[in-house]
N, C-alpha and C. Protein backbone atom coordinates (compact mmCIF):
# COMPACT_ATOMS: atom_id res chain seq x y z
N MET A 1 -49.70 33.30 -34.12
CA MET A 1 -51.02 33.18 -34.72
C MET A 1 -51.06 33.99 -36.00
N LYS A 2 -51.71 33.41 -37.00
CA LYS A 2 -51.97 34.10 -38.26
C LYS A 2 -53.42 33.87 -38.65
N ALA A 3 -53.96 34.83 -39.36
CA ALA A 3 -55.29 34.71 -39.94
C ALA A 3 -55.14 34.66 -41.45
N PHE A 4 -56.11 34.07 -42.10
CA PHE A 4 -56.10 34.12 -43.56
C PHE A 4 -57.52 34.22 -44.08
N VAL A 5 -57.60 34.70 -45.30
CA VAL A 5 -58.87 34.81 -46.00
C VAL A 5 -58.61 34.49 -47.47
N VAL A 6 -59.60 33.88 -48.10
CA VAL A 6 -59.54 33.57 -49.53
C VAL A 6 -60.66 34.36 -50.18
N LEU A 7 -60.32 35.09 -51.24
CA LEU A 7 -61.37 35.88 -51.89
C LEU A 7 -61.07 36.13 -53.36
N ASP A 8 -62.12 36.54 -54.05
CA ASP A 8 -62.01 36.97 -55.44
C ASP A 8 -62.85 38.25 -55.58
N GLU A 9 -63.01 38.72 -56.79
CA GLU A 9 -63.73 39.98 -57.03
C GLU A 9 -65.14 39.98 -56.44
N GLU A 10 -65.78 38.82 -56.37
CA GLU A 10 -67.15 38.73 -55.87
C GLU A 10 -67.26 38.99 -54.37
N TYR A 11 -66.14 38.96 -53.65
CA TYR A 11 -66.19 39.07 -52.19
C TYR A 11 -65.48 40.31 -51.64
N ILE A 12 -65.27 41.31 -52.47
CA ILE A 12 -64.60 42.53 -52.01
C ILE A 12 -65.45 43.24 -50.95
N ASN A 13 -66.73 43.44 -51.20
CA ASN A 13 -67.59 44.14 -50.22
C ASN A 13 -67.61 43.41 -48.88
N GLN A 14 -67.77 42.09 -48.92
CA GLN A 14 -67.81 41.32 -47.69
C GLN A 14 -66.47 41.40 -46.96
N ALA A 15 -65.37 41.37 -47.69
CA ALA A 15 -64.04 41.45 -47.08
C ALA A 15 -63.84 42.80 -46.41
N VAL A 16 -64.29 43.87 -47.03
CA VAL A 16 -64.14 45.20 -46.44
C VAL A 16 -64.87 45.27 -45.10
N VAL A 17 -66.09 44.78 -45.05
CA VAL A 17 -66.87 44.82 -43.80
C VAL A 17 -66.24 43.91 -42.76
N SER A 18 -65.97 42.67 -43.13
CA SER A 18 -65.46 41.69 -42.18
C SER A 18 -64.09 42.09 -41.62
N LEU A 19 -63.18 42.45 -42.50
CA LEU A 19 -61.81 42.74 -42.05
C LEU A 19 -61.72 44.09 -41.34
N SER A 20 -62.45 45.09 -41.80
CA SER A 20 -62.38 46.39 -41.10
C SER A 20 -62.94 46.27 -39.69
N SER A 21 -64.01 45.49 -39.53
CA SER A 21 -64.56 45.33 -38.18
C SER A 21 -63.62 44.51 -37.31
N PHE A 22 -62.98 43.49 -37.86
CA PHE A 22 -62.04 42.68 -37.07
C PHE A 22 -60.85 43.50 -36.61
N PHE A 23 -60.25 44.26 -37.53
CA PHE A 23 -59.05 45.01 -37.19
C PHE A 23 -59.34 46.25 -36.34
N ARG A 24 -60.59 46.57 -36.13
CA ARG A 24 -60.94 47.63 -35.20
C ARG A 24 -60.57 47.20 -33.78
N TYR A 25 -60.56 45.89 -33.51
CA TYR A 25 -60.32 45.38 -32.16
C TYR A 25 -59.11 44.44 -32.04
N ASN A 26 -58.50 44.05 -33.14
CA ASN A 26 -57.45 43.04 -33.13
C ASN A 26 -56.26 43.42 -33.99
N ARG A 27 -55.12 42.86 -33.65
CA ARG A 27 -53.91 43.04 -34.46
C ARG A 27 -53.26 41.66 -34.61
N ILE A 28 -53.57 40.99 -35.69
CA ILE A 28 -53.05 39.66 -36.00
C ILE A 28 -52.58 39.68 -37.45
N GLU A 29 -51.48 39.01 -37.71
CA GLU A 29 -51.01 38.90 -39.09
C GLU A 29 -52.11 38.28 -39.95
N LEU A 30 -52.31 38.87 -41.12
CA LEU A 30 -53.33 38.40 -42.05
C LEU A 30 -52.69 38.07 -43.38
N VAL A 31 -53.00 36.90 -43.91
CA VAL A 31 -52.59 36.53 -45.26
C VAL A 31 -53.85 36.53 -46.12
N ILE A 32 -53.83 37.31 -47.18
CA ILE A 32 -54.94 37.35 -48.13
C ILE A 32 -54.55 36.51 -49.33
N TYR A 33 -55.31 35.45 -49.58
CA TYR A 33 -55.16 34.66 -50.79
C TYR A 33 -56.21 35.17 -51.76
N ALA A 34 -55.75 35.87 -52.77
CA ALA A 34 -56.67 36.49 -53.73
C ALA A 34 -56.51 35.84 -55.09
N GLN A 35 -57.65 35.58 -55.71
CA GLN A 35 -57.63 35.07 -57.08
C GLN A 35 -56.84 36.06 -57.94
N LYS A 36 -55.94 35.55 -58.76
CA LYS A 36 -55.15 36.42 -59.63
C LYS A 36 -56.08 37.35 -60.40
N GLY A 37 -55.69 38.62 -60.45
CA GLY A 37 -56.48 39.62 -61.15
C GLY A 37 -57.46 40.38 -60.26
N THR A 38 -57.60 39.97 -59.02
CA THR A 38 -58.53 40.64 -58.10
C THR A 38 -57.95 41.97 -57.65
N ASP A 39 -58.73 43.03 -57.76
CA ASP A 39 -58.31 44.36 -57.30
C ASP A 39 -58.59 44.46 -55.81
N LEU A 40 -57.52 44.49 -55.02
CA LEU A 40 -57.65 44.51 -53.57
C LEU A 40 -57.57 45.92 -52.97
N GLY A 41 -57.61 46.94 -53.78
CA GLY A 41 -57.45 48.31 -53.30
C GLY A 41 -58.35 48.65 -52.12
N ARG A 42 -59.64 48.36 -52.22
CA ARG A 42 -60.58 48.69 -51.14
C ARG A 42 -60.31 47.86 -49.89
N VAL A 43 -59.90 46.61 -50.07
CA VAL A 43 -59.62 45.75 -48.92
C VAL A 43 -58.36 46.24 -48.20
N LEU A 44 -57.31 46.51 -48.97
CA LEU A 44 -56.06 46.94 -48.36
C LEU A 44 -56.19 48.29 -47.66
N ALA A 45 -57.18 49.08 -48.06
CA ALA A 45 -57.39 50.38 -47.42
C ALA A 45 -57.93 50.26 -46.00
N VAL A 46 -58.48 49.08 -45.63
CA VAL A 46 -59.09 48.94 -44.31
C VAL A 46 -58.30 48.03 -43.36
N VAL A 47 -57.19 47.46 -43.83
CA VAL A 47 -56.38 46.60 -42.96
C VAL A 47 -55.05 47.29 -42.66
N PRO A 48 -54.52 47.09 -41.46
CA PRO A 48 -53.23 47.71 -41.13
C PRO A 48 -52.12 47.18 -42.04
N GLU A 49 -51.46 48.07 -42.71
CA GLU A 49 -50.46 47.72 -43.72
C GLU A 49 -49.41 46.75 -43.20
N ASN A 50 -48.95 46.95 -41.98
CA ASN A 50 -47.87 46.12 -41.44
C ASN A 50 -48.36 44.77 -40.93
N PHE A 51 -49.66 44.46 -41.07
CA PHE A 51 -50.20 43.17 -40.62
C PHE A 51 -50.71 42.32 -41.77
N VAL A 52 -50.50 42.73 -43.00
CA VAL A 52 -51.11 42.02 -44.12
C VAL A 52 -50.06 41.59 -45.15
N GLU A 53 -50.26 40.40 -45.66
CA GLU A 53 -49.47 39.86 -46.78
C GLU A 53 -50.45 39.36 -47.82
N VAL A 54 -50.22 39.69 -49.07
CA VAL A 54 -51.10 39.26 -50.16
C VAL A 54 -50.38 38.17 -50.95
N ARG A 55 -51.10 37.10 -51.20
CA ARG A 55 -50.61 36.01 -52.04
C ARG A 55 -51.64 35.79 -53.15
N TYR A 56 -51.26 36.15 -54.36
CA TYR A 56 -52.16 35.94 -55.50
C TYR A 56 -52.04 34.49 -55.95
N VAL A 57 -53.19 33.86 -56.16
CA VAL A 57 -53.23 32.45 -56.51
C VAL A 57 -54.25 32.22 -57.62
N THR A 58 -54.12 31.08 -58.25
CA THR A 58 -55.14 30.59 -59.17
C THR A 58 -55.91 29.51 -58.42
N PHE A 59 -57.20 29.70 -58.27
CA PHE A 59 -58.00 28.71 -57.54
C PHE A 59 -57.92 27.36 -58.25
N PRO A 60 -57.85 26.28 -57.47
CA PRO A 60 -57.76 24.94 -58.06
C PRO A 60 -58.96 24.64 -58.96
N GLN A 61 -58.70 23.90 -60.00
CA GLN A 61 -59.75 23.43 -60.90
C GLN A 61 -59.58 21.92 -61.03
N HIS A 62 -60.68 21.20 -61.08
CA HIS A 62 -60.62 19.76 -61.25
C HIS A 62 -61.93 19.30 -61.86
N GLU A 63 -61.86 18.28 -62.68
CA GLU A 63 -63.08 17.78 -63.32
C GLU A 63 -64.12 17.29 -62.31
N LEU A 64 -63.67 16.82 -61.15
CA LEU A 64 -64.61 16.37 -60.12
C LEU A 64 -65.49 17.49 -59.59
N PHE A 65 -65.03 18.73 -59.67
CA PHE A 65 -65.80 19.86 -59.15
C PHE A 65 -67.16 19.97 -59.83
N ALA A 66 -67.28 19.44 -61.05
CA ALA A 66 -68.55 19.51 -61.79
C ALA A 66 -69.59 18.54 -61.27
N THR A 67 -69.16 17.49 -60.54
CA THR A 67 -70.11 16.46 -60.13
C THR A 67 -70.06 16.11 -58.65
N VAL A 68 -69.00 16.48 -57.94
CA VAL A 68 -68.85 16.08 -56.55
C VAL A 68 -70.07 16.49 -55.73
N GLY A 69 -70.57 15.58 -54.92
CA GLY A 69 -71.73 15.87 -54.08
C GLY A 69 -73.06 15.68 -54.77
N GLY A 70 -73.03 15.53 -56.07
CA GLY A 70 -74.29 15.34 -56.81
C GLY A 70 -75.30 16.41 -56.48
N ASN A 71 -76.55 16.01 -56.31
CA ASN A 71 -77.60 17.00 -55.98
C ASN A 71 -77.68 17.27 -54.49
N ARG A 72 -76.75 16.70 -53.70
CA ARG A 72 -76.71 16.93 -52.25
C ARG A 72 -75.68 17.98 -51.86
N LEU A 73 -74.98 18.55 -52.83
CA LEU A 73 -73.98 19.56 -52.53
C LEU A 73 -74.66 20.76 -51.88
N MET A 74 -74.18 21.18 -50.72
CA MET A 74 -74.85 22.22 -49.94
C MET A 74 -74.36 23.63 -50.24
N VAL A 75 -73.48 23.79 -51.22
CA VAL A 75 -73.00 25.10 -51.65
C VAL A 75 -73.18 25.20 -53.16
N HIS A 76 -73.14 26.41 -53.66
CA HIS A 76 -73.21 26.59 -55.10
C HIS A 76 -71.97 25.97 -55.73
N ARG A 77 -72.16 25.21 -56.75
CA ARG A 77 -71.06 24.50 -57.41
C ARG A 77 -69.93 25.43 -57.84
N ASP A 78 -70.25 26.66 -58.18
CA ASP A 78 -69.22 27.63 -58.57
C ASP A 78 -68.28 27.97 -57.42
N ALA A 79 -68.71 27.68 -56.18
CA ALA A 79 -67.90 28.00 -55.00
C ALA A 79 -66.86 26.93 -54.70
N VAL A 80 -66.94 25.77 -55.32
CA VAL A 80 -66.05 24.66 -55.00
C VAL A 80 -64.57 25.02 -55.21
N PRO A 81 -64.18 25.70 -56.30
CA PRO A 81 -62.76 26.07 -56.41
C PRO A 81 -62.27 26.95 -55.26
N ALA A 82 -63.07 27.89 -54.80
CA ALA A 82 -62.67 28.74 -53.67
C ALA A 82 -62.58 27.92 -52.38
N ILE A 83 -63.48 26.95 -52.22
CA ILE A 83 -63.42 26.08 -51.05
C ILE A 83 -62.15 25.25 -51.08
N ALA A 84 -61.81 24.74 -52.24
CA ALA A 84 -60.56 23.97 -52.38
C ALA A 84 -59.36 24.86 -52.08
N GLN A 85 -59.41 26.12 -52.49
CA GLN A 85 -58.31 27.04 -52.18
C GLN A 85 -58.22 27.30 -50.68
N ARG A 86 -59.35 27.38 -50.00
CA ARG A 86 -59.33 27.57 -48.55
C ARG A 86 -58.63 26.40 -47.85
N ILE A 87 -58.86 25.19 -48.33
CA ILE A 87 -58.21 24.02 -47.76
C ILE A 87 -56.70 24.08 -48.01
N LYS A 88 -56.31 24.41 -49.24
CA LYS A 88 -54.88 24.55 -49.56
C LYS A 88 -54.24 25.65 -48.73
N SER A 89 -54.93 26.77 -48.58
CA SER A 89 -54.40 27.89 -47.81
C SER A 89 -54.26 27.53 -46.34
N LEU A 90 -55.22 26.81 -45.81
CA LEU A 90 -55.14 26.36 -44.42
C LEU A 90 -53.90 25.50 -44.21
N GLU A 91 -53.63 24.59 -45.13
CA GLU A 91 -52.44 23.75 -45.03
C GLU A 91 -51.17 24.60 -45.04
N GLU A 92 -51.13 25.57 -45.93
CA GLU A 92 -49.94 26.41 -46.07
C GLU A 92 -49.71 27.26 -44.82
N VAL A 93 -50.74 27.95 -44.36
CA VAL A 93 -50.60 28.82 -43.19
C VAL A 93 -50.34 27.99 -41.93
N SER A 94 -50.93 26.83 -41.83
CA SER A 94 -50.71 25.96 -40.67
C SER A 94 -49.25 25.56 -40.53
N ALA A 95 -48.55 25.48 -41.64
CA ALA A 95 -47.13 25.13 -41.61
C ALA A 95 -46.26 26.31 -41.15
N GLU A 96 -46.85 27.49 -41.09
CA GLU A 96 -46.11 28.71 -40.75
C GLU A 96 -46.34 29.18 -39.32
N THR A 97 -47.34 28.65 -38.64
CA THR A 97 -47.70 29.15 -37.31
C THR A 97 -48.39 28.06 -36.51
N ASP A 98 -48.54 28.29 -35.23
CA ASP A 98 -49.15 27.27 -34.36
C ASP A 98 -50.67 27.42 -34.23
N CYS A 99 -51.22 28.54 -34.64
CA CYS A 99 -52.66 28.78 -34.51
C CYS A 99 -53.14 29.58 -35.72
N VAL A 100 -54.24 29.14 -36.33
CA VAL A 100 -54.73 29.76 -37.56
C VAL A 100 -56.19 30.17 -37.40
N LEU A 101 -56.48 31.39 -37.83
CA LEU A 101 -57.85 31.88 -37.87
C LEU A 101 -58.23 32.03 -39.34
N ASN A 102 -59.27 31.31 -39.76
CA ASN A 102 -59.76 31.40 -41.13
C ASN A 102 -61.01 32.26 -41.14
N PHE A 103 -60.95 33.39 -41.84
CA PHE A 103 -62.10 34.28 -41.91
C PHE A 103 -63.17 33.73 -42.83
N ASP A 104 -64.38 33.69 -42.31
CA ASP A 104 -65.55 33.52 -43.14
C ASP A 104 -66.03 34.95 -43.39
N LEU A 105 -66.12 35.34 -44.61
CA LEU A 105 -66.40 36.75 -44.90
C LEU A 105 -67.85 37.16 -44.64
N ASP A 106 -68.62 36.27 -44.03
CA ASP A 106 -69.95 36.64 -43.56
C ASP A 106 -69.91 37.06 -42.10
N THR A 107 -68.71 37.27 -41.56
CA THR A 107 -68.54 37.57 -40.15
C THR A 107 -68.22 39.04 -39.94
N ARG A 108 -68.87 39.62 -38.95
CA ARG A 108 -68.60 41.00 -38.55
C ARG A 108 -68.23 40.98 -37.08
N THR A 109 -67.15 41.68 -36.71
CA THR A 109 -66.69 41.72 -35.33
C THR A 109 -67.25 42.95 -34.65
N VAL A 110 -67.86 42.74 -33.48
CA VAL A 110 -68.39 43.86 -32.68
C VAL A 110 -67.89 43.73 -31.25
N SER A 111 -67.93 44.83 -30.52
CA SER A 111 -67.49 44.78 -29.11
C SER A 111 -68.65 44.54 -28.19
């Protein structure tokens, strides 16, 4: 089993809360897909060093991202590249393990 998370500078605070609470109770390999240039210092300070791998990526860009979903799109249009990266990351991690946990950074783990 592996877990993964996709983040950029805008999600550092959420990642610190979500990942620190998760690793308080769990020990699972974590792959962090971070937008190139993202400072992960605070995030890496709260995850067990031997359970984390960082992969710096450039989030996908496509002309369709400007119009897909029209006025029915249920997320902020600026989030579409990160969503596309989550799909790509899921494909990649799924090829490496039999079970994948994708972190939604709005999640906090409690006992």
